[in-house]
Amino acid sequence: MRAERERAAARLRDERALVAAFARRLRHQAIRDSYAGLRGQDVSLAMAALLDSISLALDEVPDQVRRDAVAAARRDRDGPDGPNDPRAARGGLLRP
């Protein structure tokens, strides 16, 4: 029972870090785009703020919200084809 709680706590910690890292990448890309003179970064900044809020309360949000946030973060990190996607070597879909 204790080992199960420890695994759940470790999974929560890892998922929190994953979603928070996705928010940081979105924010970084939005700021970089603004320096390049592009428009529309307000949407990325808003999504980053939402992901930050979700990551802070990941254990309190509905399961579907948690699954979707983690899936989006994994898709950005690994690419659409999962961990074997060659785009993952670049560090995520948001990176050039």
PDB file of N, CA and C in Angstrom:
ATOM      1  N   MET A   1       0.822  -1.191   0.000  1.00  0.00           N
ATOM      2  CA  MET A   1       0.000   0.000   0.000  1.00  0.00           C
ATOM      3  C   MET A   1       0.869   1.260   0.000  1.00  0.00           C
ATOM      4  N   ARG A   2       1.902   1.250   0.822  1.00  0.00           N
ATOM      5  CA  ARG A   2       2.787   2.411   0.885  1.00  0.00           C
ATOM      6  C   ARG A   2       3.532   2.613  -0.431  1.00  0.00           C
ATOM      7  N   ALA A   3       3.982   1.514  -1.012  1.00  0.00           N
ATOM      8  CA  ALA A   3       4.698   1.605  -2.291  1.00  0.00           C
ATOM      9  C   ALA A   3       3.787   2.169  -3.375  1.00  0.00           C
ATOM     10  N   GLU A   4       2.516   1.788  -3.325  1.00  0.00           N
ATOM     11  CA  GLU A   4       1.563   2.300  -4.309  1.00  0.00           C
ATOM     12  C   GLU A   4       1.378   3.809  -4.158  1.00  0.00           C
ATOM     13  N   ARG A   5       1.298   4.287  -2.935  1.00  0.00           N
ATOM     14  CA  ARG A   5       1.174   5.735  -2.698  1.00  0.00           C
ATOM     15  C   ARG A   5       2.420   6.468  -3.159  1.00  0.00           C
ATOM     16  N   GLU A   6       3.576   5.872  -2.928  1.00  0.00           N
ATOM     17  CA  GLU A   6       4.827   6.496  -3.367  1.00  0.00           C
ATOM     18  C   GLU A   6       4.903   6.561  -4.891  1.00  0.00           C
ATOM     19  N   ARG A   7       4.446   5.508  -5.566  1.00  0.00           N
ATOM     20  CA  ARG A   7       4.430   5.521  -7.035  1.00  0.00           C
ATOM     21  C   ARG A   7       3.468   6.581  -7.553  1.00  0.00           C
ATOM     22  N   ALA A   8       2.313   6.696  -6.914  1.00  0.00           N
ATOM     23  CA  ALA A   8       1.329   7.709  -7.328  1.00  0.00           C
ATOM     24  C   ALA A   8       1.885   9.111  -7.111  1.00  0.00           C
ATOM     25  N   ALA A   9       2.579   9.314  -5.998  1.00  0.00           N
ATOM     26  CA  ALA A   9       3.175  10.625  -5.718  1.00  0.00           C
ATOM     27  C   ALA A   9       4.281  10.939  -6.723  1.00  0.00           C
ATOM     28  N   ALA A  10       5.079   9.941  -7.074  1.00  0.00           N
ATOM     29  CA  ALA A  10       6.148  10.145  -8.059  1.00  0.00           C
ATOM     30  C   ALA A  10       5.558  10.444  -9.435  1.00  0.00           C
ATOM     31  N   ARG A  11       4.481   9.736  -9.806  1.00  0.00           N
ATOM     32  CA  ARG A  11       3.832   9.992 -11.093  1.00  0.00           C
ATOM     33  C   ARG A  11       3.256  11.403 -11.138  1.00  0.00           C
ATOM     34  N   LEU A  12       2.627  11.830 -10.038  1.00  0.00           N
ATOM     35  CA  LEU A  12       2.077  13.182  -9.964  1.00  0.00           C
ATOM     36  C   LEU A  12       3.183  14.220 -10.098  1.00  0.00           C
ATOM     37  N   ARG A  13       4.285  13.999  -9.419  1.00  0.00           N
ATOM     38  CA  ARG A  13       5.419  14.928  -9.484  1.00  0.00           C
ATOM     39  C   ARG A  13       5.970  15.008 -10.909  1.00  0.00           C
ATOM     40  N   ASP A  14       6.111  13.858 -11.562  1.00  0.00           N
ATOM     41  CA  ASP A  14       6.624  13.834 -12.935  1.00  0.00           C
ATOM     42  C   ASP A  14       5.666  14.512 -13.907  1.00  0.00           C
ATOM     43  N   GLU A  15       4.365  14.247 -13.744  1.00  0.00           N
ATOM     44  CA  GLU A  15       3.377  14.865 -14.628  1.00  0.00           C
ATOM     45  C   GLU A  15       3.312  16.370 -14.407  1.00  0.00           C
ATOM     46  N   ARG A  16       3.437  16.793 -13.153  1.00  0.00           N
ATOM     47  CA  ARG A  16       3.464  18.229 -12.852  1.00  0.00           C
ATOM     48  C   ARG A  16       4.643  18.899 -13.541  1.00  0.00           C
ATOM     49  N   ALA A  17       5.800  18.283 -13.436  1.00  0.00           N
ATOM     50  CA  ALA A  17       7.006  18.840 -14.056  1.00  0.00           C
ATOM     51  C   ALA A  17       6.868  18.876 -15.577  1.00  0.00           C
ATOM     52  N   LEU A  18       6.259  17.849 -16.151  1.00  0.00           N
ATOM     53  CA  LEU A  18       6.069  17.786 -17.598  1.00  0.00           C
ATOM     54  C   LEU A  18       5.159  18.907 -18.086  1.00  0.00           C
ATOM     55  N   VAL A  19       4.030  19.122 -17.410  1.00  0.00           N
ATOM     56  CA  VAL A  19       3.086  20.169 -17.811  1.00  0.00           C
ATOM     57  C   VAL A  19       3.705  21.551 -17.592  1.00  0.00           C
ATOM     58  N   ALA A  20       4.425  21.731 -16.491  1.00  0.00           N
ATOM     59  CA  ALA A  20       5.073  23.020 -16.225  1.00  0.00           C
ATOM     60  C   ALA A  20       6.148  23.318 -17.275  1.00  0.00           C
ATOM     61  N   ALA A  21       6.890  22.301 -17.693  1.00  0.00           N
ATOM     62  CA  ALA A  21       7.912  22.494 -18.729  1.00  0.00           C
ATOM     63  C   ALA A  21       7.268  22.864 -20.067  1.00  0.00           C
ATOM     64  N   PHE A  22       6.125  22.264 -20.363  1.00  0.00           N
ATOM     65  CA  PHE A  22       5.392  22.607 -21.586  1.00  0.00           C
ATOM     66  C   PHE A  22       4.957  24.066 -21.536  1.00  0.00           C
ATOM     67  N   ALA A  23       4.479  24.516 -20.386  1.00  0.00           N
ATOM     68  CA  ALA A  23       4.071  25.924 -20.234  1.00  0.00           C
ATOM     69  C   ALA A  23       5.265  26.852 -20.444  1.00  0.00           C
ATOM     70  N   ARG A  24       6.423  26.483 -19.902  1.00  0.00           N
ATOM     71  CA  ARG A  24       7.627  27.303 -20.084  1.00  0.00           C
ATOM     72  C   ARG A  24       8.022  27.384 -21.553  1.00  0.00           C
ATOM     73  N   ARG A  25       7.927  26.246 -22.266  1.00  0.00           N
ATOM     74  CA  ARG A  25       8.280  26.252 -23.691  1.00  0.00           C
ATOM     75  C   ARG A  25       7.317  27.123 -24.492  1.00  0.00           C
ATOM     76  N   LEU A  26       6.025  27.042 -24.175  1.00  0.00           N
ATOM     77  CA  LEU A  26       5.049  27.892 -24.858  1.00  0.00           C
ATOM     78  C   LEU A  26       5.348  29.364 -24.617  1.00  0.00           C
ATOM     79  N   ARG A  27       5.628  29.704 -23.372  1.00  0.00           N
ATOM     80  CA  ARG A  27       5.910  31.098 -23.019  1.00  0.00           C
ATOM     81  C   ARG A  27       7.180  31.580 -23.717  1.00  0.00           C
ATOM     82  N   HIS A  28       8.194  30.757 -23.714  1.00  0.00           N
ATOM     83  CA  HIS A  28       9.462  31.112 -24.349  1.00  0.00           C
ATOM     84  C   HIS A  28       9.268  31.345 -25.851  1.00  0.00           C
ATOM     85  N   GLN A  29       8.516  30.448 -26.488  1.00  0.00           N
ATOM     86  CA  GLN A  29       8.270  30.589 -27.925  1.00  0.00           C
ATOM     87  C   GLN A  29       7.468  31.854 -28.216  1.00  0.00           C
ATOM     88  N   ALA A  30       6.496  32.170 -27.376  1.00  0.00           N
ATOM     89  CA  ALA A  30       5.683  33.376 -27.584  1.00  0.00           C
ATOM     90  C   ALA A  30       6.537  34.632 -27.469  1.00  0.00           C
ATOM     91  N   ILE A  31       7.413  34.656 -26.497  1.00  0.00           N
ATOM     92  CA  ILE A  31       8.289  35.818 -26.318  1.00  0.00           C
ATOM     93  C   ILE A  31       9.254  35.931 -27.495  1.00  0.00           C
ATOM     94  N   ARG A  32       9.781  34.805 -27.927  1.00  0.00           N
ATOM     95  CA  ARG A  32      10.682  34.809 -29.078  1.00  0.00           C
ATOM     96  C   ARG A  32       9.964  35.291 -30.340  1.00  0.00           C
ATOM     97  N   ASP A  33       8.716  34.859 -30.507  1.00  0.00           N
ATOM     98  CA  ASP A  33       7.937  35.302 -31.666  1.00  0.00           C
ATOM     99  C   ASP A  33       7.671  36.800 -31.627  1.00  0.00           C
ATOM    100  N   SER A  34       7.476  37.347 -30.431  1.00  0.00           N
ATOM    101  CA  SER A  34       7.225  38.793 -30.341  1.00  0.00           C
ATOM    102  C   SER A  34       8.469  39.578 -30.748  1.00  0.00           C
ATOM    103  N   TYR A  35       9.651  39.082 -30.407  1.00  0.00           N
ATOM    104  CA  TYR A  35      10.881  39.741 -30.845  1.00  0.00           C
ATOM    105  C   TYR A  35      11.048  39.655 -32.357  1.00  0.00           C
ATOM    106  N   ALA A  36      10.510  38.607 -32.949  1.00  0.00           N
ATOM    107  CA  ALA A  36      10.599  38.436 -34.401  1.00  0.00           C
ATOM    108  C   ALA A  36       9.543  39.256 -35.134  1.00  0.00           C
ATOM    109  N   GLY A  37       8.690  39.939 -34.386  1.00  0.00           N
ATOM    110  CA  GLY A  37       7.672  40.773 -35.006  1.00  0.00           C
ATOM    111  C   GLY A  37       6.399  40.035 -35.373  1.00  0.00           C
ATOM    112  N   LEU A  38       6.263  38.809 -34.906  1.00  0.00           N
ATOM    113  CA  LEU A  38       5.056  38.042 -35.203  1.00  0.00           C
ATOM    114  C   LEU A  38       3.938  38.443 -34.252  1.00  0.00           C
ATOM    115  N   ARG A  39       2.724  38.159 -34.657  1.00  0.00           N
ATOM    116  CA  ARG A  39       1.565  38.489 -33.826  1.00  0.00           C
ATOM    117  C   ARG A  39       0.906  37.211 -33.332  1.00  0.00           C
ATOM    118  N   GLY A  40       0.039  37.373 -32.345  1.00  0.00           N
ATOM    119  CA  GLY A  40      -0.734  36.241 -31.856  1.00  0.00           C
ATOM    120  C   GLY A  40      -0.127  35.535 -30.665  1.00  0.00           C
ATOM    121  N   GLN A  41       0.945  36.080 -30.114  1.00  0.00           N
ATOM    122  CA  GLN A  41       1.572  35.416 -28.978  1.00  0.00           C
ATOM    123  C   GLN A  41       0.711  35.475 -27.725  1.00  0.00           C
ATOM    124  N   ASP A  42      -0.313  36.333 -27.720  1.00  0.00           N
ATOM    125  CA  ASP A  42      -1.191  36.405 -26.554  1.00  0.00           C
ATOM    126  C   ASP A  42      -1.917  35.081 -26.325  1.00  0.00           C
ATOM    127  N   VAL A  43      -2.195  34.346 -27.389  1.00  0.00           N
ATOM    128  CA  VAL A  43      -2.846  33.042 -27.242  1.00  0.00           C
ATOM    129  C   VAL A  43      -1.891  32.059 -26.564  1.00  0.00           C
ATOM    130  N   SER A  44      -0.640  32.041 -26.991  1.00  0.00           N
ATOM    131  CA  SER A  44       0.346  31.151 -26.369  1.00  0.00           C
ATOM    132  C   SER A  44       0.587  31.519 -24.916  1.00  0.00           C
ATOM    133  N   LEU A  45       0.635  32.811 -24.633  1.00  0.00           N
ATOM    134  CA  LEU A  45       0.831  33.235 -23.245  1.00  0.00           C
ATOM    135  C   LEU A  45      -0.363  32.849 -22.379  1.00  0.00           C
ATOM    136  N   ALA A  46      -1.569  32.959 -22.929  1.00  0.00           N
ATOM    137  CA  ALA A  46      -2.764  32.553 -22.182  1.00  0.00           C
ATOM    138  C   ALA A  46      -2.761  31.045 -21.938  1.00  0.00           C
ATOM    139  N   MET A  47      -2.389  30.270 -22.954  1.00  0.00           N
ATOM    140  CA  MET A  47      -2.320  28.812 -22.777  1.00  0.00           C
ATOM    141  C   MET A  47      -1.251  28.435 -21.760  1.00  0.00           C
ATOM    142  N   ALA A  48      -0.126  29.141 -21.786  1.00  0.00           N
ATOM    143  CA  ALA A  48       0.927  28.872 -20.812  1.00  0.00           C
ATOM    144  C   ALA A  48       0.433  29.158 -19.397  1.00  0.00           C
ATOM    145  N   ALA A  49      -0.322  30.238 -19.232  1.00  0.00           N
ATOM    146  CA  ALA A  49      -0.873  30.557 -17.913  1.00  0.00           C
ATOM    147  C   ALA A  49      -1.853  29.477 -17.454  1.00  0.00           C
ATOM    148  N   LEU A  50      -2.685  29.000 -18.375  1.00  0.00           N
ATOM    149  CA  LEU A  50      -3.611  27.916 -18.032  1.00  0.00           C
ATOM    150  C   LEU A  50      -2.854  26.652 -17.632  1.00  0.00           C
ATOM    151  N   LEU A  51      -1.833  26.310 -18.402  1.00  0.00           N
ATOM    152  CA  LEU A  51      -1.057  25.114 -18.083  1.00  0.00           C
ATOM    153  C   LEU A  51      -0.326  25.256 -16.755  1.00  0.00           C
ATOM    154  N   ASP A  52       0.153  26.461 -16.445  1.00  0.00           N
ATOM    155  CA  ASP A  52       0.764  26.691 -15.134  1.00  0.00           C
ATOM    156  C   ASP A  52      -0.236  26.430 -14.015  1.00  0.00           C
ATOM    157  N   SER A  53      -1.446  26.954 -14.182  1.00  0.00           N
ATOM    158  CA  SER A  53      -2.483  26.756 -13.168  1.00  0.00           C
ATOM    159  C   SER A  53      -2.838  25.281 -13.025  1.00  0.00           C
ATOM    160  N   ILE A  54      -2.942  24.601 -14.146  1.00  0.00           N
ATOM    161  CA  ILE A  54      -3.257  23.171 -14.104  1.00  0.00           C
ATOM    162  C   ILE A  54      -2.139  22.394 -13.427  1.00  0.00           C
ATOM    163  N   SER A  55      -0.892  22.736 -13.731  1.00  0.00           N
ATOM    164  CA  SER A  55       0.227  21.990 -13.141  1.00  0.00           C
ATOM    165  C   SER A  55       0.295  22.176 -11.628  1.00  0.00           C
ATOM    166  N   LEU A  56      -0.088  23.348 -11.154  1.00  0.00           N
ATOM    167  CA  LEU A  56      -0.056  23.587  -9.709  1.00  0.00           C
ATOM    168  C   LEU A  56      -1.126  22.800  -8.965  1.00  0.00           C
ATOM    169  N   ALA A  57      -2.250  22.553  -9.627  1.00  0.00           N
ATOM    170  CA  ALA A  57      -3.362  21.849  -8.981  1.00  0.00           C
ATOM    171  C   ALA A  57      -3.681  20.556  -9.724  1.00  0.00           C
ATOM    172  N   LEU A  58      -2.671  19.887 -10.217  1.00  0.00           N
ATOM    173  CA  LEU A  58      -2.878  18.718 -11.064  1.00  0.00           C
ATOM    174  C   LEU A  58      -3.652  17.611 -10.359  1.00  0.00           C
ATOM    175  N   ASP A  59      -3.469  17.478  -9.067  1.00  0.00           N
ATOM    176  CA  ASP A  59      -4.185  16.433  -8.338  1.00  0.00           C
ATOM    177  C   ASP A  59      -5.622  16.830  -8.003  1.00  0.00           C
ATOM    178  N   GLU A  60      -5.992  18.080  -8.250  1.00  0.00           N
ATOM    179  CA  GLU A  60      -7.334  18.555  -7.918  1.00  0.00           C
ATOM    180  C   GLU A  60      -8.220  18.777  -9.140  1.00  0.00           C
ATOM    181  N   VAL A  61      -7.634  18.824 -10.320  1.00  0.00           N
ATOM    182  CA  VAL A  61      -8.439  19.051 -11.525  1.00  0.00           C
ATOM    183  C   VAL A  61      -9.124  17.742 -11.924  1.00  0.00           C
ATOM    184  N   PRO A  62     -10.209  17.823 -12.700  1.00  0.00           N
ATOM    185  CA  PRO A  62     -10.864  16.587 -13.160  1.00  0.00           C
ATOM    186  C   PRO A  62      -9.890  15.700 -13.939  1.00  0.00           C
ATOM    187  N   ASP A  63     -10.120  14.405 -13.878  1.00  0.00           N
ATOM    188  CA  ASP A  63      -9.220  13.450 -14.526  1.00  0.00           C
ATOM    189  C   ASP A  63      -9.048  13.721 -16.019  1.00  0.00           C
ATOM    190  N   GLN A  64     -10.121  14.102 -16.690  1.00  0.00           N
ATOM    191  CA  GLN A  64     -10.028  14.359 -18.130  1.00  0.00           C
ATOM    192  C   GLN A  64      -9.117  15.552 -18.421  1.00  0.00           C
ATOM    193  N   VAL A  65      -9.194  16.585 -17.605  1.00  0.00           N
ATOM    194  CA  VAL A  65      -8.323  17.758 -17.778  1.00  0.00           C
ATOM    195  C   VAL A  65      -6.875  17.348 -17.554  1.00  0.00           C
ATOM    196  N   ARG A  66      -6.650  16.553 -16.522  1.00  0.00           N
ATOM    197  CA  ARG A  66      -5.294  16.085 -16.227  1.00  0.00           C
ATOM    198  C   ARG A  66      -4.745  15.251 -17.383  1.00  0.00           C
ATOM    199  N   ARG A  67      -5.551  14.305 -17.859  1.00  0.00           N
ATOM    200  CA  ARG A  67      -5.092  13.451 -18.966  1.00  0.00           C
ATOM    201  C   ARG A  67      -4.792  14.266 -20.215  1.00  0.00           C
ATOM    202  N   ASP A  68      -5.657  15.229 -20.526  1.00  0.00           N
ATOM    203  CA  ASP A  68      -5.450  16.044 -21.725  1.00  0.00           C
ATOM    204  C   ASP A  68      -4.212  16.928 -21.610  1.00  0.00           C
ATOM    205  N   ALA A  69      -4.002  17.523 -20.443  1.00  0.00           N
ATOM    206  CA  ALA A  69      -2.827  18.378 -20.248  1.00  0.00           C
ATOM    207  C   ALA A  69      -1.540  17.566 -20.354  1.00  0.00           C
ATOM    208  N   VAL A  70      -1.526  16.404 -19.728  1.00  0.00           N
ATOM    209  CA  VAL A  70      -0.334  15.550 -19.776  1.00  0.00           C
ATOM    210  C   VAL A  70      -0.115  15.032 -21.197  1.00  0.00           C
ATOM    211  N   ALA A  71      -1.187  14.661 -21.885  1.00  0.00           N
ATOM    212  CA  ALA A  71      -1.054  14.178 -23.265  1.00  0.00           C
ATOM    213  C   ALA A  71      -0.514  15.272 -24.183  1.00  0.00           C
ATOM    214  N   ALA A  72      -0.993  16.499 -24.010  1.00  0.00           N
ATOM    215  CA  ALA A  72      -0.498  17.609 -24.833  1.00  0.00           C
ATOM    216  C   ALA A  72       0.981  17.864 -24.560  1.00  0.00           C
ATOM    217  N   ALA A  73       1.368  17.813 -23.295  1.00  0.00           N
ATOM    218  CA  ALA A  73       2.771  18.034 -22.941  1.00  0.00           C
ATOM    219  C   ALA A  73       3.652  16.916 -23.498  1.00  0.00           C
ATOM    220  N   ARG A  74       3.170  15.680 -23.413  1.00  0.00           N
ATOM    221  CA  ARG A  74       3.949  14.561 -23.971  1.00  0.00           C
ATOM    222  C   ARG A  74       4.055  14.663 -25.489  1.00  0.00           C
ATOM    223  N   ARG A  75       2.972  15.082 -26.125  1.00  0.00           N
ATOM    224  CA  ARG A  75       2.992  15.219 -27.585  1.00  0.00           C
ATOM    225  C   ARG A  75       4.000  16.285 -28.002  1.00  0.00           C
ATOM    226  N   ASP A  76       4.069  17.370 -27.241  1.00  0.00           N
ATOM    227  CA  ASP A  76       5.062  18.398 -27.553  1.00  0.00           C
ATOM    228  C   ASP A  76       6.471  17.876 -27.318  1.00  0.00           C
ATOM    229  N   ARG A  77       6.661  17.165 -26.221  1.00  0.00           N
ATOM    230  CA  ARG A  77       7.992  16.663 -25.884  1.00  0.00           C
ATOM    231  C   ARG A  77       8.448  15.568 -26.839  1.00  0.00           C
ATOM    232  N   ASP A  78       7.540  14.621 -27.148  1.00  0.00           N
ATOM    233  CA  ASP A  78       7.929  13.434 -27.911  1.00  0.00           C
ATOM    234  C   ASP A  78       7.608  13.508 -29.394  1.00  0.00           C
ATOM    235  N   GLY A  79       6.721  14.413 -29.795  1.00  0.00           N
ATOM    236  CA  GLY A  79       6.261  14.441 -31.176  1.00  0.00           C
ATOM    237  C   GLY A  79       4.985  13.633 -31.308  1.00  0.00           C
ATOM    238  N   PRO A  80       4.277  13.787 -32.415  1.00  0.00           N
ATOM    239  CA  PRO A  80       2.991  13.120 -32.574  1.00  0.00           C
ATOM    240  C   PRO A  80       3.075  11.599 -32.621  1.00  0.00           C
ATOM    241  N   ASP A  81       4.231  11.058 -32.969  1.00  0.00           N
ATOM    242  CA  ASP A  81       4.372   9.609 -33.066  1.00  0.00           C
ATOM    243  C   ASP A  81       4.947   8.983 -31.803  1.00  0.00           C
ATOM    244  N   GLY A  82       4.975   9.720 -30.722  1.00  0.00           N
ATOM    245  CA  GLY A  82       5.445   9.173 -29.456  1.00  0.00           C
ATOM    246  C   GLY A  82       6.947   9.266 -29.295  1.00  0.00           C
ATOM    247  N   PRO A  83       7.488   8.485 -28.370  1.00  0.00           N
ATOM    248  CA  PRO A  83       8.911   8.589 -28.048  1.00  0.00           C
ATOM    249  C   PRO A  83       9.848   8.243 -29.197  1.00  0.00           C
ATOM    250  N   ASN A  84       9.348   7.548 -30.209  1.00  0.00           N
ATOM    251  CA  ASN A  84      10.207   7.182 -31.340  1.00  0.00           C
ATOM    252  C   ASN A  84      10.182   8.207 -32.460  1.00  0.00           C
ATOM    253  N   ASP A  85       9.473   9.292 -32.271  1.00  0.00           N
ATOM    254  CA  ASP A  85       9.370  10.339 -33.291  1.00  0.00           C
ATOM    255  C   ASP A  85      10.717  11.048 -33.425  1.00  0.00           C
ATOM    256  N   PRO A  86      11.254  11.180 -34.640  1.00  0.00           N
ATOM    257  CA  PRO A  86      12.556  11.831 -34.807  1.00  0.00           C
ATOM    258  C   PRO A  86      12.549  13.298 -34.403  1.00  0.00           C
ATOM    259  N   ARG A  87      11.370  13.926 -34.370  1.00  0.00           N
ATOM    260  CA  ARG A  87      11.303  15.328 -33.959  1.00  0.00           C
ATOM    261  C   ARG A  87      11.622  15.501 -32.484  1.00  0.00           C
ATOM    262  N   ALA A  88      11.518  14.441 -31.707  1.00  0.00           N
ATOM    263  CA  ALA A  88      11.813  14.527 -30.279  1.00  0.00           C
ATOM    264  C   ALA A  88      13.289  14.843 -30.046  1.00  0.00           C
ATOM    265  N   ALA A  89      14.144  14.447 -30.968  1.00  0.00           N
ATOM    266  CA  ALA A  89      15.576  14.715 -30.833  1.00  0.00           C
ATOM    267  C   ALA A  89      15.869  16.205 -30.841  1.00  0.00           C
ATOM    268  N   ARG A  90      14.967  16.996 -31.441  1.00  0.00           N
ATOM    269  CA  ARG A  90      15.152  18.447 -31.468  1.00  0.00           C
ATOM    270  C   ARG A  90      14.703  19.071 -30.161  1.00  0.00           C
ATOM    271  N   GLY A  91      14.057  18.300 -29.304  1.00  0.00           N
ATOM    272  CA  GLY A  91      13.637  18.839 -28.023  1.00  0.00           C
ATOM    273  C   GLY A  91      12.188  19.264 -27.982  1.00  0.00           C
ATOM    274  N   GLY A  92      11.375  18.790 -28.889  1.00  0.00           N
ATOM    275  CA  GLY A  92       9.959  19.135 -28.854  1.00  0.00           C
ATOM    276  C   GLY A  92       9.501  19.777 -30.145  1.00  0.00           C
ATOM    277  N   LEU A  93       8.212  19.826 -30.318  1.00  0.00           N
ATOM    278  CA  LEU A  93       7.651  20.374 -31.550  1.00  0.00           C
ATOM    279  C   LEU A  93       7.778  21.880 -31.619  1.00  0.00           C
ATOM    280  N   LEU A  94       7.880  22.549 -30.483  1.00  0.00           N
ATOM    281  CA  LEU A  94       7.937  24.005 -30.485  1.00  0.00           C
ATOM    282  C   LEU A  94       9.312  24.540 -30.834  1.00  0.00           C
ATOM    283  N   ARG A  95      10.303  23.689 -30.840  1.00  0.00           N
ATOM    284  CA  ARG A  95      11.650  24.156 -31.151  1.00  0.00           C
ATOM    285  C   ARG A  95      11.923  24.000 -32.643  1.00  0.00           C
ATOM    286  N   PRO A  96      12.679  24.942 -33.183  1.00  0.00           N
ATOM    287  CA  PRO A  96      13.016  24.852 -34.615  1.00  0.00           C
ATOM    288  C   PRO A  96      13.988  23.729 -34.907  1.00  0.00           C
TER     289      PRO A  96
END
